[in-house]
Amino acid sequence: MIEIPLYDTFSKIEPITKGMSGDKKYYIETVEGKHFLLRIADFSEYAQKEIEFEAMKHLVARGVPMPSPIDFGTCNNSKCVYTLLSWVDGVEVEAILPTLSKAEQYTLGIEAGEILRKIHTHPAPDIVDNWAERYYSVINPRLKAFRSEGIPFVGDTIILNYLESNGVLLNNRPQCHHHGDYHMGNMIHSDTGRLSIIDWHTVDFNNCGDPWYEFNRIGIEFPAFASGQIDGYFDHEIPEKFWSLLAYYLAASAITSIVWAKYFAPEGLQDILKLNTDILRWFDDMKNPVPTWYLNDFS
């Protein structure tokens, strides 16, 4: 760590254990009173971390409220790669939503949707393969795994049939840069009442793809917030095709999570199974693509 150029100014280095990232993370204070987030990863991740750092610079330039990229390089005798970011003060949105009225939740969701739309103005690389091929290369093996070793539930064939018959929806989809993990836990509500988006280090489909895919982590625990996020993203003009794709992405994500939970997070397996049955209820056994929790009037 001492090879980091600003290291001599660090007056406080506090490890951060929260989160699932493989990076080592530290809260940093400097003698000048500045606050930073320091992330350290193995050198094998250098190329990916450099791409992330450059993308963050472009997104900040586009006005996305997020940590500012400060410095990037190698440390620990070139065995590690570090990323230094500005620190974002505030509270996670998922922690404050229960304290807000539905109208306030909706307003905050509007802001989250507007920010996501701004993120998606950053284009995907020109060399990226078409979205349908990329998506199927990941999701089809997972669906095969569910069929062979998943846990059956009432309505599972309804979801599987919906996915099979609606794959055409993924054809010719535009692609853009993704945050990678856009959900309430990665949104910080500052003292000024504004949102900032954190944790730009989840690599999902190489952080680019169909812009609407990023709604697969939408916070339906708070319907007013989730509805606001959709309305804010589309400026209240929601394309009909969006609903069918939302149902597709939510259903695919939920049913393919069952095998993962079975082996890697058995304590959460019942929650995943409940999510699948909830999806069937929200979308009326996949017959109505507009979910029952969506409303556009929370005044």
C-alpha atoms as a PDB file:
ATOM      1  CA  MET A   1       0.000   0.000   0.000  1.00  0.00           C
ATOM      2  CA  ILE A   2       2.896   2.364   0.654  1.00  0.00           C
ATOM      3  CA  GLU A   3       3.558   2.617  -3.098  1.00  0.00           C
ATOM      4  CA  ILE A   4       0.272   4.468  -3.584  1.00  0.00           C
ATOM      5  CA  PRO A   5       1.253   8.084  -4.355  1.00  0.00           C
ATOM      6  CA  LEU A   6      -1.129   9.617  -1.786  1.00  0.00           C
ATOM      7  CA  TYR A   7      -0.239   7.101   0.926  1.00  0.00           C
ATOM      8  CA  ASP A   8       1.863   9.608   2.889  1.00  0.00           C
ATOM      9  CA  THR A   9      -1.255  11.754   3.360  1.00  0.00           C
ATOM     10  CA  PHE A  10      -3.342   8.915   4.842  1.00  0.00           C
ATOM     11  CA  SER A  11      -4.095   9.564   8.517  1.00  0.00           C
ATOM     12  CA  LYS A  12      -6.696   6.817   8.941  1.00  0.00           C
ATOM     13  CA  ILE A  13      -7.007   3.447   7.188  1.00  0.00           C
ATOM     14  CA  GLU A  14     -10.088   1.479   8.225  1.00  0.00           C
ATOM     15  CA  PRO A  15     -10.985  -1.903   6.646  1.00  0.00           C
ATOM     16  CA  ILE A  16     -14.509  -2.297   5.239  1.00  0.00           C
ATOM     17  CA  THR A  17     -15.958  -5.780   5.557  1.00  0.00           C
ATOM     18  CA  LYS A  18     -19.457  -5.169   4.189  1.00  0.00           C
ATOM     19  CA  GLY A  19     -20.245  -6.400   0.691  1.00  0.00           C
ATOM     20  CA  MET A  20     -19.603  -9.460  -1.427  1.00  0.00           C
ATOM     21  CA  SER A  21     -16.793  -8.105  -3.584  1.00  0.00           C
ATOM     22  CA  GLY A  22     -13.500  -9.966  -3.583  1.00  0.00           C
ATOM     23  CA  ASP A  23     -11.656  -6.653  -3.336  1.00  0.00           C
ATOM     24  CA  LYS A  24     -10.092  -5.515  -0.098  1.00  0.00           C
ATOM     25  CA  LYS A  25     -11.759  -2.216   0.755  1.00  0.00           C
ATOM     26  CA  TYR A  26     -10.671   0.590   3.075  1.00  0.00           C
ATOM     27  CA  TYR A  27     -12.127   3.844   4.301  1.00  0.00           C
ATOM     28  CA  ILE A  28      -9.386   6.467   4.117  1.00  0.00           C
ATOM     29  CA  GLU A  29      -8.999   9.840   5.813  1.00  0.00           C
ATOM     30  CA  THR A  30      -6.141  12.172   4.940  1.00  0.00           C
ATOM     31  CA  VAL A  31      -4.293  14.830   6.889  1.00  0.00           C
ATOM     32  CA  GLU A  32      -6.101  17.423   4.738  1.00  0.00           C
ATOM     33  CA  GLY A  33      -9.471  16.076   5.884  1.00  0.00           C
ATOM     34  CA  LYS A  34     -10.339  14.340   2.627  1.00  0.00           C
ATOM     35  CA  HIS A  35     -12.211  11.016   2.611  1.00  0.00           C
ATOM     36  CA  PHE A  36     -11.563   8.220   0.101  1.00  0.00           C
ATOM     37  CA  LEU A  37     -12.516   4.650  -0.688  1.00  0.00           C
ATOM     38  CA  LEU A  38      -9.527   2.447  -1.495  1.00  0.00           C
ATOM     39  CA  ARG A  39     -10.062  -0.860  -3.291  1.00  0.00           C
ATOM     40  CA  ILE A  40      -7.233  -3.374  -3.718  1.00  0.00           C
ATOM     41  CA  ALA A  41      -7.458  -6.460  -5.947  1.00  0.00           C
ATOM     42  CA  ASP A  42      -5.085  -9.099  -7.277  1.00  0.00           C
ATOM     43  CA  PHE A  43      -2.940  -7.971 -10.211  1.00  0.00           C
ATOM     44  CA  SER A  44      -4.663 -10.556 -12.427  1.00  0.00           C
ATOM     45  CA  GLU A  45      -7.646  -8.179 -12.462  1.00  0.00           C
ATOM     46  CA  TYR A  46      -5.611  -5.221 -13.727  1.00  0.00           C
ATOM     47  CA  ALA A  47      -7.169  -5.062 -17.206  1.00  0.00           C
ATOM     48  CA  GLN A  48     -10.746  -5.229 -15.886  1.00  0.00           C
ATOM     49  CA  LYS A  49     -10.055  -2.665 -13.164  1.00  0.00           C
ATOM     50  CA  GLU A  50      -8.539  -0.297 -15.710  1.00  0.00           C
ATOM     51  CA  ILE A  51     -11.648  -0.587 -17.881  1.00  0.00           C
ATOM     52  CA  GLU A  52     -13.818   0.136 -14.825  1.00  0.00           C
ATOM     53  CA  PHE A  53     -11.718   3.173 -13.885  1.00  0.00           C
ATOM     54  CA  GLU A  54     -11.902   4.665 -17.381  1.00  0.00           C
ATOM     55  CA  ALA A  55     -15.654   4.039 -17.569  1.00  0.00           C
ATOM     56  CA  MET A  56     -16.134   5.810 -14.239  1.00  0.00           C
ATOM     57  CA  LYS A  57     -14.312   8.864 -15.565  1.00  0.00           C
ATOM     58  CA  HIS A  58     -16.641   8.994 -18.570  1.00  0.00           C
ATOM     59  CA  LEU A  59     -19.728   8.580 -16.390  1.00  0.00           C
ATOM     60  CA  VAL A  60     -18.689  11.337 -13.985  1.00  0.00           C
ATOM     61  CA  ALA A  61     -18.185  13.580 -17.017  1.00  0.00           C
ATOM     62  CA  ARG A  62     -21.756  12.775 -18.074  1.00  0.00           C
ATOM     63  CA  GLY A  63     -23.038  14.024 -14.722  1.00  0.00           C
ATOM     64  CA  VAL A  64     -23.791  10.705 -13.049  1.00  0.00           C
ATOM     65  CA  PRO A  65     -23.784  11.223  -9.239  1.00  0.00           C
ATOM     66  CA  MET A  66     -21.210   8.714  -8.043  1.00  0.00           C
ATOM     67  CA  PRO A  67     -17.756   8.433  -6.433  1.00  0.00           C
ATOM     68  CA  SER A  68     -15.123  10.301  -8.421  1.00  0.00           C
ATOM     69  CA  PRO A  69     -12.169   8.224  -9.661  1.00  0.00           C
ATOM     70  CA  ILE A  70      -9.023   9.704  -8.086  1.00  0.00           C
ATOM     71  CA  ASP A  71      -6.135   7.347  -8.842  1.00  0.00           C
ATOM     72  CA  PHE A  72      -5.366   3.925 -10.266  1.00  0.00           C
ATOM     73  CA  GLY A  73      -2.256   1.776 -10.406  1.00  0.00           C
ATOM     74  CA  THR A  74      -0.297  -1.102  -8.905  1.00  0.00           C
ATOM     75  CA  CYS A  75       0.954  -1.631  -5.362  1.00  0.00           C
ATOM     76  CA  ASN A  76       2.420  -4.316  -3.102  1.00  0.00           C
ATOM     77  CA  ASN A  77       5.389  -4.863  -5.418  1.00  0.00           C
ATOM     78  CA  SER A  78       3.081  -4.996  -8.446  1.00  0.00           C
ATOM     79  CA  LYS A  79       1.185  -7.953  -6.986  1.00  0.00           C
ATOM     80  CA  CYS A  80      -1.993  -5.901  -6.590  1.00  0.00           C
ATOM     81  CA  VAL A  81      -3.978  -3.247  -8.407  1.00  0.00           C
ATOM     82  CA  TYR A  82      -5.607  -0.379  -6.515  1.00  0.00           C
ATOM     83  CA  THR A  83      -8.425   2.038  -7.257  1.00  0.00           C
ATOM     84  CA  LEU A  84      -8.830   5.212  -5.202  1.00  0.00           C
ATOM     85  CA  LEU A  85     -12.254   6.871  -5.231  1.00  0.00           C
ATOM     86  CA  SER A  86     -13.861   9.778  -3.459  1.00  0.00           C
ATOM     87  CA  TRP A  87     -15.973   8.779  -0.469  1.00  0.00           C
ATOM     88  CA  VAL A  88     -19.758   9.240  -0.618  1.00  0.00           C
ATOM     89  CA  ASP A  89     -21.380  10.134   2.710  1.00  0.00           C
ATOM     90  CA  GLY A  90     -24.970   9.178   3.419  1.00  0.00           C
ATOM     91  CA  VAL A  91     -27.305   6.271   4.126  1.00  0.00           C
ATOM     92  CA  GLU A  92     -28.216   3.336   1.889  1.00  0.00           C
ATOM     93  CA  VAL A  93     -31.586   3.894   0.262  1.00  0.00           C
ATOM     94  CA  GLU A  94     -32.890   0.487   1.367  1.00  0.00           C
ATOM     95  CA  ALA A  95     -32.370   1.598   4.975  1.00  0.00           C
ATOM     96  CA  ILE A  96     -34.364   4.830   4.692  1.00  0.00           C
ATOM     97  CA  LEU A  97     -37.238   3.739   2.441  1.00  0.00           C
ATOM     98  CA  PRO A  98     -39.218   2.209   5.353  1.00  0.00           C
ATOM     99  CA  THR A  99     -39.203   5.631   7.029  1.00  0.00           C
ATOM    100  CA  LEU A 100     -40.657   7.457   4.008  1.00  0.00           C
ATOM    101  CA  SER A 101     -44.223   7.899   2.823  1.00  0.00           C
ATOM    102  CA  LYS A 102     -45.206   6.178  -0.424  1.00  0.00           C
ATOM    103  CA  ALA A 103     -45.156   9.546  -2.191  1.00  0.00           C
ATOM    104  CA  GLU A 104     -41.602  10.168  -0.959  1.00  0.00           C
ATOM    105  CA  GLN A 105     -40.551   6.656  -1.982  1.00  0.00           C
ATOM    106  CA  TYR A 106     -41.978   7.271  -5.447  1.00  0.00           C
ATOM    107  CA  THR A 107     -40.118  10.577  -5.784  1.00  0.00           C
ATOM    108  CA  LEU A 108     -36.856   8.914  -4.801  1.00  0.00           C
ATOM    109  CA  GLY A 109     -37.565   6.163  -7.333  1.00  0.00           C
ATOM    110  CA  ILE A 110     -38.037   8.790 -10.039  1.00  0.00           C
ATOM    111  CA  GLU A 111     -34.540  10.084  -9.286  1.00  0.00           C
ATOM    112  CA  ALA A 112     -33.087   6.562  -9.371  1.00  0.00           C
ATOM    113  CA  GLY A 113     -34.669   5.995 -12.780  1.00  0.00           C
ATOM    114  CA  GLU A 114     -33.365   9.278 -14.162  1.00  0.00           C
ATOM    115  CA  ILE A 115     -29.845   8.417 -12.989  1.00  0.00           C
ATOM    116  CA  LEU A 116     -30.028   4.973 -14.594  1.00  0.00           C
ATOM    117  CA  ARG A 117     -31.097   6.576 -17.878  1.00  0.00           C
ATOM    118  CA  LYS A 118     -28.061   8.851 -17.679  1.00  0.00           C
ATOM    119  CA  ILE A 119     -25.768   5.853 -17.029  1.00  0.00           C
ATOM    120  CA  HIS A 120     -27.144   4.211 -20.147  1.00  0.00           C
ATOM    121  CA  THR A 121     -26.070   7.131 -22.345  1.00  0.00           C
ATOM    122  CA  HIS A 122     -22.536   5.695 -22.117  1.00  0.00           C
ATOM    123  CA  PRO A 123     -22.269   3.372 -25.143  1.00  0.00           C
ATOM    124  CA  ALA A 124     -21.159  -0.247 -25.216  1.00  0.00           C
ATOM    125  CA  PRO A 125     -17.880  -1.056 -27.006  1.00  0.00           C
ATOM    126  CA  ASP A 126     -18.238  -1.352 -30.791  1.00  0.00           C
ATOM    127  CA  ILE A 127     -16.795  -4.866 -30.770  1.00  0.00           C
ATOM    128  CA  VAL A 128     -19.381  -6.384 -28.433  1.00  0.00           C
ATOM    129  CA  ASP A 129     -21.390  -9.339 -29.809  1.00  0.00           C
ATOM    130  CA  ASN A 130     -25.150  -9.058 -30.204  1.00  0.00           C
ATOM    131  CA  TRP A 131     -27.126  -9.154 -26.985  1.00  0.00           C
ATOM    132  CA  ALA A 132     -29.273 -12.226 -27.623  1.00  0.00           C
ATOM    133  CA  GLU A 133     -26.244 -14.454 -28.228  1.00  0.00           C
ATOM    134  CA  ARG A 134     -24.444 -13.103 -25.179  1.00  0.00           C
ATOM    135  CA  TYR A 135     -27.478 -13.509 -22.929  1.00  0.00           C
ATOM    136  CA  TYR A 136     -28.352 -17.014 -24.118  1.00  0.00           C
ATOM    137  CA  SER A 137     -24.759 -18.181 -23.668  1.00  0.00           C
ATOM    138  CA  VAL A 138     -25.164 -17.478 -19.945  1.00  0.00           C
ATOM    139  CA  ILE A 139     -28.824 -18.181 -19.263  1.00  0.00           C
ATOM    140  CA  ASN A 140     -29.330 -21.369 -21.302  1.00  0.00           C
ATOM    141  CA  PRO A 141     -26.847 -23.465 -19.269  1.00  0.00           C
ATOM    142  CA  ARG A 142     -28.523 -22.196 -16.107  1.00  0.00           C
ATOM    143  CA  LEU A 143     -31.960 -23.162 -17.392  1.00  0.00           C
ATOM    144  CA  LYS A 144     -30.604 -26.584 -18.312  1.00  0.00           C
ATOM    145  CA  ALA A 145     -29.253 -26.905 -14.764  1.00  0.00           C
ATOM    146  CA  PHE A 146     -32.677 -26.054 -13.329  1.00  0.00           C
ATOM    147  CA  ARG A 147     -34.364 -28.705 -15.466  1.00  0.00           C
ATOM    148  CA  SER A 148     -31.902 -31.364 -14.335  1.00  0.00           C
ATOM    149  CA  GLU A 149     -31.265 -30.488 -10.689  1.00  0.00           C
ATOM    150  CA  GLY A 150     -33.533 -27.614  -9.708  1.00  0.00           C
ATOM    151  CA  ILE A 151     -36.272 -27.777  -7.101  1.00  0.00           C
ATOM    152  CA  PRO A 152     -39.722 -28.002  -8.742  1.00  0.00           C
ATOM    153  CA  PHE A 153     -42.460 -25.606  -7.669  1.00  0.00           C
ATOM    154  CA  VAL A 154     -46.045 -25.015  -8.704  1.00  0.00           C
ATOM    155  CA  GLY A 155     -45.958 -22.980 -11.905  1.00  0.00           C
ATOM    156  CA  ASP A 156     -42.356 -23.672 -12.893  1.00  0.00           C
ATOM    157  CA  THR A 157     -43.445 -24.897 -16.336  1.00  0.00           C
ATOM    158  CA  ILE A 158     -45.363 -21.649 -16.846  1.00  0.00           C
ATOM    159  CA  ILE A 159     -42.165 -19.654 -16.369  1.00  0.00           C
ATOM    160  CA  LEU A 160     -40.117 -22.027 -18.521  1.00  0.00           C
ATOM    161  CA  ASN A 161     -42.695 -21.881 -21.322  1.00  0.00           C
ATOM    162  CA  TYR A 162     -42.802 -18.080 -21.132  1.00  0.00           C
ATOM    163  CA  LEU A 163     -39.037 -17.869 -21.471  1.00  0.00           C
ATOM    164  CA  GLU A 164     -38.997 -20.305 -24.380  1.00  0.00           C
ATOM    165  CA  SER A 165     -41.797 -18.625 -26.328  1.00  0.00           C
ATOM    166  CA  ASN A 166     -40.633 -15.040 -25.745  1.00  0.00           C
ATOM    167  CA  GLY A 167     -36.936 -15.323 -26.556  1.00  0.00           C
ATOM    168  CA  VAL A 168     -37.598 -13.332 -29.720  1.00  0.00           C
ATOM    169  CA  LEU A 169     -37.897 -10.244 -27.495  1.00  0.00           C
ATOM    170  CA  LEU A 170     -34.111 -10.230 -27.106  1.00  0.00           C
ATOM    171  CA  ASN A 171     -33.424  -9.939 -30.831  1.00  0.00           C
ATOM    172  CA  ASN A 172     -31.930  -6.658 -32.080  1.00  0.00           C
ATOM    173  CA  ARG A 173     -31.793  -5.088 -28.636  1.00  0.00           C
ATOM    174  CA  PRO A 174     -29.558  -2.011 -28.306  1.00  0.00           C
ATOM    175  CA  GLN A 175     -26.620  -2.213 -25.909  1.00  0.00           C
ATOM    176  CA  CYS A 176     -25.031   0.288 -23.569  1.00  0.00           C
ATOM    177  CA  HIS A 177     -22.816   0.475 -20.501  1.00  0.00           C
ATOM    178  CA  HIS A 178     -24.247  -1.166 -17.367  1.00  0.00           C
ATOM    179  CA  HIS A 179     -23.744  -0.349 -13.719  1.00  0.00           C
ATOM    180  CA  GLY A 180     -23.839  -4.097 -13.142  1.00  0.00           C
ATOM    181  CA  ASP A 181     -25.670  -4.205  -9.812  1.00  0.00           C
ATOM    182  CA  TYR A 182     -28.235  -1.408  -9.810  1.00  0.00           C
ATOM    183  CA  HIS A 183     -30.331  -1.811  -6.677  1.00  0.00           C
ATOM    184  CA  MET A 184     -31.270   0.022  -3.475  1.00  0.00           C
ATOM    185  CA  GLY A 185     -28.250  -1.242  -1.544  1.00  0.00           C
ATOM    186  CA  ASN A 186     -25.933   0.511  -3.988  1.00  0.00           C
ATOM    187  CA  MET A 187     -27.719   3.853  -3.766  1.00  0.00           C
ATOM    188  CA  ILE A 188     -26.661   6.356  -1.120  1.00  0.00           C
ATOM    189  CA  HIS A 189     -29.047   9.033   0.124  1.00  0.00           C
ATOM    190  CA  SER A 190     -26.998  12.054   1.138  1.00  0.00           C
ATOM    191  CA  ASP A 191     -27.734  14.675   3.765  1.00  0.00           C
ATOM    192  CA  THR A 192     -28.809  16.997   0.936  1.00  0.00           C
ATOM    193  CA  GLY A 193     -31.495  14.512  -0.064  1.00  0.00           C
ATOM    194  CA  ARG A 194     -29.861  13.527  -3.348  1.00  0.00           C
ATOM    195  CA  LEU A 195     -28.863  10.059  -4.542  1.00  0.00           C
ATOM    196  CA  SER A 196     -25.395   8.808  -5.414  1.00  0.00           C
ATOM    197  CA  ILE A 197     -24.669   5.432  -6.984  1.00  0.00           C
ATOM    198  CA  ILE A 198     -21.858   3.298  -5.556  1.00  0.00           C
ATOM    199  CA  ASP A 199     -20.215  -0.105  -6.101  1.00  0.00           C
ATOM    200  CA  TRP A 200     -19.329  -0.030  -9.782  1.00  0.00           C
ATOM    201  CA  HIS A 201     -17.280  -3.195  -9.602  1.00  0.00           C
ATOM    202  CA  THR A 202     -19.774  -5.990 -10.269  1.00  0.00           C
ATOM    203  CA  VAL A 203     -18.940  -7.594 -13.616  1.00  0.00           C
ATOM    204  CA  ASP A 204     -22.193  -8.839 -15.148  1.00  0.00           C
ATOM    205  CA  PHE A 205     -22.110  -9.458 -18.923  1.00  0.00           C
ATOM    206  CA  ASN A 206     -18.898  -7.401 -18.953  1.00  0.00           C
ATOM    207  CA  ASN A 207     -20.936  -4.402 -17.798  1.00  0.00           C
ATOM    208  CA  CYS A 208     -22.697  -3.830 -21.087  1.00  0.00           C
ATOM    209  CA  GLY A 209     -25.856  -5.099 -22.741  1.00  0.00           C
ATOM    210  CA  ASP A 210     -29.555  -4.403 -23.132  1.00  0.00           C
ATOM    211  CA  PRO A 211     -30.282  -1.296 -21.030  1.00  0.00           C
ATOM    212  CA  TRP A 212     -33.563  -2.773 -19.790  1.00  0.00           C
ATOM    213  CA  TYR A 213     -31.757  -5.808 -18.389  1.00  0.00           C
ATOM    214  CA  GLU A 214     -30.614  -3.607 -15.489  1.00  0.00           C
ATOM    215  CA  PHE A 215     -34.162  -3.619 -14.119  1.00  0.00           C
ATOM    216  CA  ASN A 216     -33.714  -7.266 -13.078  1.00  0.00           C
ATOM    217  CA  ARG A 217     -32.661  -6.081  -9.604  1.00  0.00           C
ATOM    218  CA  ILE A 218     -35.472  -3.561  -9.160  1.00  0.00           C
ATOM    219  CA  GLY A 219     -36.571  -3.163  -5.543  1.00  0.00           C
ATOM    220  CA  ILE A 220     -40.087  -4.556  -5.600  1.00  0.00           C
ATOM    221  CA  GLU A 221     -40.069  -4.726  -1.786  1.00  0.00           C
ATOM    222  CA  PHE A 222     -41.079  -1.064  -2.087  1.00  0.00           C
ATOM    223  CA  PRO A 223     -43.589  -0.840  -4.965  1.00  0.00           C
ATOM    224  CA  ALA A 224     -43.749   2.954  -4.881  1.00  0.00           C
ATOM    225  CA  PHE A 225     -39.972   3.232  -5.278  1.00  0.00           C
ATOM    226  CA  ALA A 226     -39.876   0.556  -8.003  1.00  0.00           C
ATOM    227  CA  SER A 227     -42.719   2.220  -9.895  1.00  0.00           C
ATOM    228  CA  GLY A 228     -40.976   5.566  -9.620  1.00  0.00           C
ATOM    229  CA  GLN A 229     -37.750   4.098 -10.978  1.00  0.00           C
ATOM    230  CA  ILE A 230     -39.575   2.877 -14.082  1.00  0.00           C
ATOM    231  CA  ASP A 231     -41.455   6.154 -14.568  1.00  0.00           C
ATOM    232  CA  GLY A 232     -38.303   8.202 -14.043  1.00  0.00           C
ATOM    233  CA  TYR A 233     -36.293   6.124 -16.493  1.00  0.00           C
ATOM    234  CA  PHE A 234     -38.874   6.493 -19.258  1.00  0.00           C
ATOM    235  CA  ASP A 235     -40.082   9.976 -18.301  1.00  0.00           C
ATOM    236  CA  HIS A 236     -43.550   8.445 -17.817  1.00  0.00           C
ATOM    237  CA  GLU A 237     -43.702   7.202 -21.447  1.00  0.00           C
ATOM    238  CA  ILE A 238     -43.193   3.455 -20.983  1.00  0.00           C
ATOM    239  CA  PRO A 239     -42.903   1.360 -24.164  1.00  0.00           C
ATOM    240  CA  GLU A 240     -45.208  -1.660 -24.214  1.00  0.00           C
ATOM    241  CA  LYS A 241     -42.289  -3.949 -25.054  1.00  0.00           C
ATOM    242  CA  PHE A 242     -40.558  -2.965 -21.813  1.00  0.00           C
ATOM    243  CA  TRP A 243     -43.126  -4.797 -19.710  1.00  0.00           C
ATOM    244  CA  SER A 244     -42.675  -8.071 -21.582  1.00  0.00           C
ATOM    245  CA  LEU A 245     -38.902  -7.830 -21.253  1.00  0.00           C
ATOM    246  CA  LEU A 246     -39.157  -6.914 -17.571  1.00  0.00           C
ATOM    247  CA  ALA A 247     -41.239 -10.043 -16.985  1.00  0.00           C
ATOM    248  CA  TYR A 248     -38.716 -12.056 -19.009  1.00  0.00           C
ATOM    249  CA  TYR A 249     -35.630 -10.830 -17.148  1.00  0.00           C
ATOM    250  CA  LEU A 250     -37.206 -11.093 -13.698  1.00  0.00           C
ATOM    251  CA  ALA A 251     -38.506 -14.605 -14.354  1.00  0.00           C
ATOM    252  CA  ALA A 252     -35.240 -15.830 -15.892  1.00  0.00           C
ATOM    253  CA  SER A 253     -33.182 -14.409 -13.041  1.00  0.00           C
ATOM    254  CA  ALA A 254     -35.454 -15.913 -10.389  1.00  0.00           C
ATOM    255  CA  ILE A 255     -35.787 -19.443 -11.743  1.00  0.00           C
ATOM    256  CA  THR A 256     -32.077 -19.764 -12.551  1.00  0.00           C
ATOM    257  CA  SER A 257     -31.195 -18.625  -9.026  1.00  0.00           C
ATOM    258  CA  ILE A 258     -32.727 -21.756  -7.522  1.00  0.00           C
ATOM    259  CA  VAL A 259     -29.849 -24.096  -8.376  1.00  0.00           C
ATOM    260  CA  TRP A 260     -27.314 -21.469  -7.271  1.00  0.00           C
ATOM    261  CA  ALA A 261     -29.060 -21.088  -3.907  1.00  0.00           C
ATOM    262  CA  LYS A 262     -29.349 -24.857  -3.521  1.00  0.00           C
ATOM    263  CA  TYR A 263     -25.578 -25.260  -3.576  1.00  0.00           C
ATOM    264  CA  PHE A 264     -24.144 -21.909  -2.489  1.00  0.00           C
ATOM    265  CA  ALA A 265     -26.764 -20.208  -0.298  1.00  0.00           C
ATOM    266  CA  PRO A 266     -29.168 -22.846   1.045  1.00  0.00           C
ATOM    267  CA  GLU A 267     -30.238 -20.485   3.809  1.00  0.00           C
ATOM    268  CA  GLY A 268     -31.816 -18.283   1.128  1.00  0.00           C
ATOM    269  CA  LEU A 269     -33.416 -21.059  -0.911  1.00  0.00           C
ATOM    270  CA  GLN A 270     -36.939 -20.571   0.457  1.00  0.00           C
ATOM    271  CA  ASP A 271     -36.749 -16.854  -0.332  1.00  0.00           C
ATOM    272  CA  ILE A 272     -35.776 -17.648  -3.930  1.00  0.00           C
ATOM    273  CA  LEU A 273     -38.627 -20.131  -4.278  1.00  0.00           C
ATOM    274  CA  LYS A 274     -41.035 -17.542  -2.870  1.00  0.00           C
ATOM    275  CA  LEU A 275     -39.724 -14.992  -5.379  1.00  0.00           C
ATOM    276  CA  ASN A 276     -40.625 -17.347  -8.211  1.00  0.00           C
ATOM    277  CA  THR A 277     -44.163 -17.826  -6.928  1.00  0.00           C
ATOM    278  CA  ASP A 278     -44.423 -14.053  -6.390  1.00  0.00           C
ATOM    279  CA  ILE A 279     -43.441 -13.484 -10.026  1.00  0.00           C
ATOM    280  CA  LEU A 280     -46.231 -15.794 -11.149  1.00  0.00           C
ATOM    281  CA  ARG A 281     -48.661 -13.780  -9.033  1.00  0.00           C
ATOM    282  CA  TRP A 282     -47.366 -10.366 -10.163  1.00  0.00           C
ATOM    283  CA  PHE A 283     -47.673 -11.297 -13.820  1.00  0.00           C
ATOM    284  CA  ASP A 284     -50.889 -13.348 -13.533  1.00  0.00           C
ATOM    285  CA  ASP A 285     -49.174 -16.621 -14.457  1.00  0.00           C
ATOM    286  CA  MET A 286     -47.161 -14.726 -17.089  1.00  0.00           C
ATOM    287  CA  LYS A 287     -50.329 -13.662 -18.935  1.00  0.00           C
ATOM    288  CA  ASN A 288     -50.092  -9.963 -18.029  1.00  0.00           C
ATOM    289  CA  PRO A 289     -46.646  -8.356 -18.488  1.00  0.00           C
ATOM    290  CA  VAL A 290     -47.530  -5.331 -16.330  1.00  0.00           C
ATOM    291  CA  PRO A 291     -46.824  -6.399 -12.725  1.00  0.00           C
ATOM    292  CA  THR A 292     -49.536  -5.984 -10.124  1.00  0.00           C
ATOM    293  CA  TRP A 293     -47.233  -3.872  -7.945  1.00  0.00           C
ATOM    294  CA  TYR A 294     -46.827  -1.158 -10.580  1.00  0.00           C
ATOM    295  CA  LEU A 295     -48.767   2.041  -9.941  1.00  0.00           C
ATOM    296  CA  ASN A 296     -48.047   5.543 -11.187  1.00  0.00           C
ATOM    297  CA  ASP A 297     -49.961   7.560  -8.622  1.00  0.00           C
ATOM    298  CA  PHE A 298     -48.565   7.642  -5.096  1.00  0.00           C
ATOM    299  CA  SER A 299     -49.636  11.168  -4.221  1.00  0.00           C
END
